Amino acid sequence: MKTMNRVLTVTLDEATYLHLSTLAQEKHIDVEAEVLQAIRAYLRQQRSYREDPFFQIGPDGHSDLGDLSENHDKYLYG
C-alpha cells in the first residue's frame, strides 16, 4: 500500500523556531524531522488520553455516579 504524504506550511515565531532548531541540532536531525517527531508524540499522547478512563469523566468533573469518591479506582481501572 502506498503512503500519501501531505505538505503543511507552518509559520513559527522566532523563539519557537530557535527552540526547535536547538532540539534538532542536539539530536543531529533537521528541523522538519524534529517537528514531525513532536507532532507524532502529541498524537500518541492524545490517543492515550482518549483511551484512559480517567479522562473520560468529562470536562466539568461530573460522572453521574453517586459513589464515585468511594469506588473511583474500580470505575477507572476495573
Protein backbone atom coordinates (compact mmCIF):
# COMPACT_ATOMS: atom_id res chain seq x y z
CA MET A 1 0.00 0.00 0.00
CA LYS A 2 1.41 3.37 -0.99
CA THR A 3 1.53 6.06 1.70
CA MET A 4 0.45 9.54 0.66
CA ASN A 5 2.42 12.43 2.11
CA ARG A 6 0.96 15.87 2.66
CA VAL A 7 2.80 19.16 2.78
CA LEU A 8 1.97 21.50 5.64
CA THR A 9 3.29 25.04 5.85
CA VAL A 10 3.53 26.49 9.35
CA THR A 11 4.61 29.96 10.41
CA LEU A 12 6.56 29.99 13.68
CA ASP A 13 7.70 32.90 15.79
CA GLU A 14 11.46 33.25 16.07
CA ALA A 15 11.69 31.91 19.64
CA THR A 16 9.77 28.74 18.77
CA TYR A 17 11.86 28.16 15.66
CA LEU A 18 15.10 28.63 17.58
CA HIS A 19 13.93 26.22 20.28
CA LEU A 20 13.02 23.58 17.67
CA SER A 21 16.28 24.18 15.85
CA THR A 22 18.29 23.71 19.03
CA LEU A 23 16.46 20.47 19.85
CA ALA A 24 17.03 19.21 16.32
CA GLN A 25 20.75 20.04 16.41
CA GLU A 26 21.12 18.16 19.71
CA LYS A 27 19.60 15.08 18.04
CA HIS A 28 21.55 15.58 14.80
CA ILE A 29 18.37 15.85 12.74
CA ASP A 30 16.84 18.66 10.72
CA VAL A 31 14.07 20.94 11.99
CA GLU A 32 11.49 19.23 9.77
CA ALA A 33 12.23 15.86 11.40
CA GLU A 34 12.03 17.44 14.86
CA VAL A 35 8.62 18.94 14.06
CA LEU A 36 7.39 15.61 12.72
CA GLN A 37 8.58 13.83 15.89
CA ALA A 38 6.82 16.44 18.04
CA ILE A 39 3.56 16.05 16.11
CA ARG A 40 3.70 12.25 16.37
CA ALA A 41 4.39 12.44 20.12
CA TYR A 42 1.44 14.82 20.54
CA LEU A 43 -0.85 12.47 18.60
CA ARG A 44 0.24 9.46 20.71
CA GLN A 45 -0.44 11.46 23.87
CA GLN A 46 -3.89 12.48 22.66
CA ARG A 47 -4.71 8.88 21.77
CA SER A 48 -3.71 7.65 25.22
CA TYR A 49 -5.79 10.43 26.83
CA ARG A 50 -8.83 9.32 24.85
CA GLU A 51 -8.29 5.71 25.91
CA ASP A 52 -7.63 6.44 29.62
CA PRO A 53 -10.83 6.18 31.69
CA PHE A 54 -9.62 8.99 33.94
CA PHE A 55 -10.03 11.49 31.11
CA GLN A 56 -13.45 10.14 30.10
CA ILE A 57 -15.18 11.54 33.20
CA GLY A 58 -15.89 14.81 31.42
CA PRO A 59 -14.60 18.36 31.41
CA ASP A 60 -16.63 19.50 34.41
CA GLY A 61 -15.69 16.53 36.59
CA HIS A 62 -19.24 15.15 36.86
CA SER A 63 -19.77 11.49 36.10
CA ASP A 64 -23.38 10.96 37.25
CA LEU A 65 -22.07 8.21 39.54
CA GLY A 66 -23.12 8.81 43.13
CA ASP A 67 -20.42 6.63 44.68
CA LEU A 68 -17.51 7.85 42.60
CA SER A 69 -15.43 9.01 45.56
CA GLU A 70 -15.60 5.56 47.19
CA ASN A 71 -15.16 3.48 44.02
CA HIS A 72 -13.07 5.68 41.75
CA ASP A 73 -10.35 3.04 41.18
CA LYS A 74 -12.99 0.47 40.20
CA TYR A 75 -14.57 2.86 37.68
CA LEU A 76 -11.24 3.98 36.25
CA TYR A 77 -9.32 0.74 36.04
CA GLY A 78 -11.83 -2.10 36.50
